[in-house]
Amino acid sequence: MKSVWSAVVSEQLTAGNVLLLLCYSFYLLWWLLAFHPTRPLHGWQSGWLLLPAFLTGIAGVVQVAKACRQTHGQTTGWLLPLPWLLGGGIGVYLLALVVSVLLRRPVTTELILIVGWCGLMLAEITCLMALGHISRIGFMGFTVAAALCFTADLVCYFGYYRLQGVASYVDGMLPLILAWLFSAGLLAASLAG
């Protein structure tokens, strides 16, 4: 039988993942419309989609962060302490920033989003394991998947301005599709627990 605390945290993770899936969906729909290679919709024709993407994204991050914070305070099952995740995220961001300058790639908000997304997902994976929703093997699988998504996202980020037409269009979609698929997997894990 689940404790009340565990049930509340599980509900927060579920709500957070549903909100993040909505965020990715709105953001992807905006990208599909605003950056279409032959028929882009500019301005508010597509831009209004960024408002629900932003609102659902912030709400999703808050729910997942609250769940992770509560789990960190209630269990000793954490493998990745939150300060390590924060420090690691700052370090990775600074490294990516240096690489961006060296590759002469304009630094955009997406770099912060990619690094922040990875840190949040690692925190959630750790939270799911601490709650008993995933095993150590599941933890390792999700961690490897997060690392692969993160790497693919950075490859897309650094390659975007070197591509044109359909190639850049697809390149911009891939990180959103990967984030959606990853969060769907985490949602399934939180529901199964």
Protein backbone atom coordinates (compact mmCIF):
# COMPACT_ATOMS: atom_id res chain seq x y z
CA MET A 1 0.00 0.00 0.00
CA LYS A 2 1.28 3.43 -0.92
CA SER A 3 1.80 6.07 1.72
CA VAL A 4 -0.11 9.33 1.40
CA TRP A 5 3.21 11.09 0.70
CA SER A 6 4.11 8.64 -2.08
CA ALA A 7 0.65 8.98 -3.66
CA VAL A 8 0.86 12.79 -3.63
CA VAL A 9 4.33 12.76 -5.20
CA SER A 10 3.17 10.25 -7.84
CA GLU A 11 0.22 12.50 -8.70
CA GLN A 12 2.56 15.50 -8.99
CA LEU A 13 4.84 13.58 -11.35
CA THR A 14 1.89 12.45 -13.44
CA ALA A 15 0.47 15.98 -13.64
CA GLY A 16 3.92 17.39 -14.41
CA ASN A 17 4.49 14.96 -17.26
CA VAL A 18 1.04 15.56 -18.76
CA LEU A 19 1.71 19.31 -18.66
CA LEU A 20 5.15 18.86 -20.22
CA LEU A 21 3.66 16.70 -22.98
CA LEU A 22 1.18 19.50 -23.69
CA CYS A 23 4.04 22.02 -23.69
CA TYR A 24 6.04 19.98 -26.21
CA SER A 25 2.92 19.51 -28.35
CA PHE A 26 2.16 23.25 -28.49
CA TYR A 27 5.82 24.08 -29.15
CA LEU A 28 6.06 21.44 -31.90
CA LEU A 29 2.85 22.66 -33.52
CA TRP A 30 4.23 26.21 -33.46
CA TRP A 31 7.46 25.00 -35.06
CA LEU A 32 5.58 23.06 -37.75
CA LEU A 33 3.56 26.16 -38.68
CA ALA A 34 6.08 28.96 -38.18
CA PHE A 35 9.07 27.30 -39.85
CA HIS A 36 7.35 25.38 -42.63
CA PRO A 37 9.79 25.50 -45.58
CA THR A 38 7.20 26.58 -48.16
CA ARG A 39 4.17 27.96 -46.27
CA PRO A 40 5.28 29.44 -42.92
CA LEU A 41 2.72 31.22 -40.77
CA HIS A 42 4.29 34.30 -39.21
CA GLY A 43 3.32 36.53 -36.31
CA TRP A 44 0.21 35.70 -34.34
CA GLN A 45 -0.98 33.21 -36.97
CA SER A 46 1.31 30.72 -35.24
CA GLY A 47 2.88 32.73 -32.41
CA TRP A 48 -0.13 32.42 -30.12
CA LEU A 49 0.85 28.75 -29.64
CA LEU A 50 3.89 29.86 -27.66
CA LEU A 51 1.67 31.16 -24.83
CA PRO A 52 0.11 27.78 -23.94
CA ALA A 53 3.51 26.15 -24.54
CA PHE A 54 5.07 28.52 -22.00
CA LEU A 55 2.26 28.19 -19.44
CA THR A 56 2.04 24.40 -19.57
CA GLY A 57 5.84 24.15 -19.57
CA ILE A 58 6.25 26.30 -16.45
CA ALA A 59 3.41 24.47 -14.69
CA GLY A 60 4.92 21.08 -15.63
CA VAL A 61 8.38 22.04 -14.40
CA VAL A 62 6.90 23.29 -11.11
CA GLN A 63 4.99 20.01 -10.57
CA VAL A 64 8.01 17.81 -11.31
CA ALA A 65 10.34 20.00 -9.22
CA LYS A 66 7.91 19.94 -6.25
CA ALA A 67 7.70 16.14 -6.46
CA CYS A 68 11.48 15.80 -6.64
CA ARG A 69 12.00 18.19 -3.75
CA GLN A 70 9.52 16.28 -1.58
CA THR A 71 11.12 12.97 -2.50
CA HIS A 72 14.58 14.30 -1.70
CA GLY A 73 13.38 15.23 1.78
CA GLN A 74 11.61 11.90 2.47
CA THR A 75 13.96 9.20 1.22
CA THR A 76 17.58 8.15 1.22
CA GLY A 77 17.22 6.36 -2.11
CA TRP A 78 18.60 9.22 -4.18
CA LEU A 79 21.51 8.38 -6.45
CA LEU A 80 21.94 11.89 -7.86
CA PRO A 81 21.77 14.60 -5.18
CA LEU A 82 19.97 17.74 -6.31
CA PRO A 83 23.01 20.03 -5.79
CA TRP A 84 25.01 17.76 -8.13
CA LEU A 85 22.30 18.06 -10.76
CA LEU A 86 22.26 21.84 -10.46
CA GLY A 87 26.05 22.14 -10.48
CA GLY A 88 26.34 19.68 -13.34
CA GLY A 89 23.71 21.58 -15.32
CA ILE A 90 25.58 24.86 -14.87
CA GLY A 91 28.84 23.18 -15.91
CA VAL A 92 27.30 21.61 -19.01
CA TYR A 93 25.69 24.91 -19.95
CA LEU A 94 29.01 26.76 -19.66
CA LEU A 95 30.75 24.08 -21.73
CA ALA A 96 28.04 24.26 -24.40
CA LEU A 97 28.31 28.05 -24.34
CA VAL A 98 32.05 27.85 -25.02
CA VAL A 99 31.49 25.34 -27.82
CA SER A 100 28.84 27.65 -29.32
CA VAL A 101 31.33 30.51 -29.38
CA LEU A 102 34.07 28.31 -30.86
CA LEU A 103 31.71 27.03 -33.57
CA ARG A 104 30.42 30.56 -34.18
CA ARG A 105 26.88 29.42 -33.49
CA PRO A 106 24.53 32.11 -32.15
CA VAL A 107 23.58 31.33 -28.55
CA THR A 108 19.80 31.10 -28.18
CA THR A 109 17.28 30.25 -25.46
CA GLU A 110 17.15 26.68 -26.71
CA LEU A 111 20.57 25.98 -25.19
CA ILE A 112 19.24 26.82 -21.71
CA LEU A 113 16.11 24.74 -22.40
CA ILE A 114 18.14 21.71 -23.52
CA VAL A 115 20.40 21.74 -20.46
CA GLY A 116 17.50 22.49 -18.09
CA TRP A 117 15.39 19.73 -19.64
CA CYS A 118 18.15 17.17 -19.15
CA GLY A 119 18.67 18.17 -15.51
CA LEU A 120 14.94 18.01 -14.80
CA MET A 121 14.63 14.60 -16.44
CA LEU A 122 17.58 13.22 -14.46
CA ALA A 123 15.99 14.53 -11.25
CA GLU A 124 12.69 12.90 -12.18
CA ILE A 125 14.32 9.57 -13.05
CA THR A 126 15.99 9.60 -9.65
CA CYS A 127 12.67 10.48 -8.02
CA LEU A 128 10.92 7.59 -9.81
CA MET A 129 13.56 5.18 -8.55
CA ALA A 130 13.40 6.52 -5.00
CA LEU A 131 9.62 5.99 -5.08
CA GLY A 132 10.07 2.42 -6.33
CA HIS A 133 8.37 3.13 -9.67
CA ILE A 134 11.42 1.97 -11.62
CA SER A 135 14.18 -0.50 -10.80
CA ARG A 136 17.91 0.16 -10.93
CA ILE A 137 17.89 -1.29 -14.45
CA GLY A 138 15.03 1.05 -15.37
CA PHE A 139 17.00 3.91 -13.81
CA MET A 140 20.04 3.07 -15.92
CA GLY A 141 17.89 2.69 -19.06
CA PHE A 142 16.20 6.06 -18.57
CA THR A 143 19.54 7.69 -17.73
CA VAL A 144 21.15 6.36 -20.91
CA ALA A 145 18.07 7.44 -22.91
CA ALA A 146 18.28 10.94 -21.36
CA ALA A 147 21.98 11.15 -22.25
CA LEU A 148 21.25 10.07 -25.83
CA CYS A 149 18.40 12.60 -26.14
CA PHE A 150 20.63 15.31 -24.69
CA THR A 151 23.43 14.47 -27.14
CA ALA A 152 21.03 14.39 -30.09
CA ASP A 153 19.55 17.73 -28.97
CA LEU A 154 23.01 19.32 -28.85
CA VAL A 155 23.87 17.92 -32.29
CA CYS A 156 20.65 19.46 -33.63
CA TYR A 157 21.35 22.72 -31.79
CA PHE A 158 24.86 23.08 -33.16
CA GLY A 159 23.91 21.92 -36.65
CA TYR A 160 20.77 23.99 -37.17
CA TYR A 161 22.35 27.09 -38.72
CA ARG A 162 24.43 24.98 -41.07
CA LEU A 163 21.31 23.45 -42.62
CA GLN A 164 18.73 24.86 -45.00
CA GLY A 165 15.19 24.14 -46.14
CA VAL A 166 13.62 20.87 -45.10
CA ALA A 167 16.80 19.72 -43.34
CA SER A 168 16.74 22.66 -40.89
CA TYR A 169 12.97 22.24 -40.49
CA VAL A 170 13.38 18.60 -39.45
CA ASP A 171 16.46 19.41 -37.34
CA GLY A 172 14.39 21.88 -35.31
CA MET A 173 11.63 19.32 -34.73
CA LEU A 174 13.78 16.43 -33.53
CA PRO A 175 14.55 17.74 -30.01
CA LEU A 176 10.84 18.37 -29.40
CA ILE A 177 9.88 14.91 -30.64
CA LEU A 178 12.58 13.30 -28.47
CA ALA A 179 11.46 15.29 -25.41
CA TRP A 180 7.85 14.25 -26.05
CA LEU A 181 8.75 10.56 -26.37
CA PHE A 182 10.97 10.66 -23.29
CA SER A 183 8.32 12.36 -21.14
CA ALA A 184 5.72 9.88 -22.40
CA GLY A 185 8.00 7.10 -21.12
CA LEU A 186 8.34 8.82 -17.73
CA LEU A 187 4.58 9.30 -17.58
CA ALA A 188 4.09 5.60 -18.23
CA ALA A 189 6.59 4.77 -15.47
CA SER A 190 4.88 7.11 -12.99
CA LEU A 191 1.46 5.64 -13.81
CA ALA A 192 2.72 2.06 -13.58
CA GLY A 193 4.20 2.67 -10.10
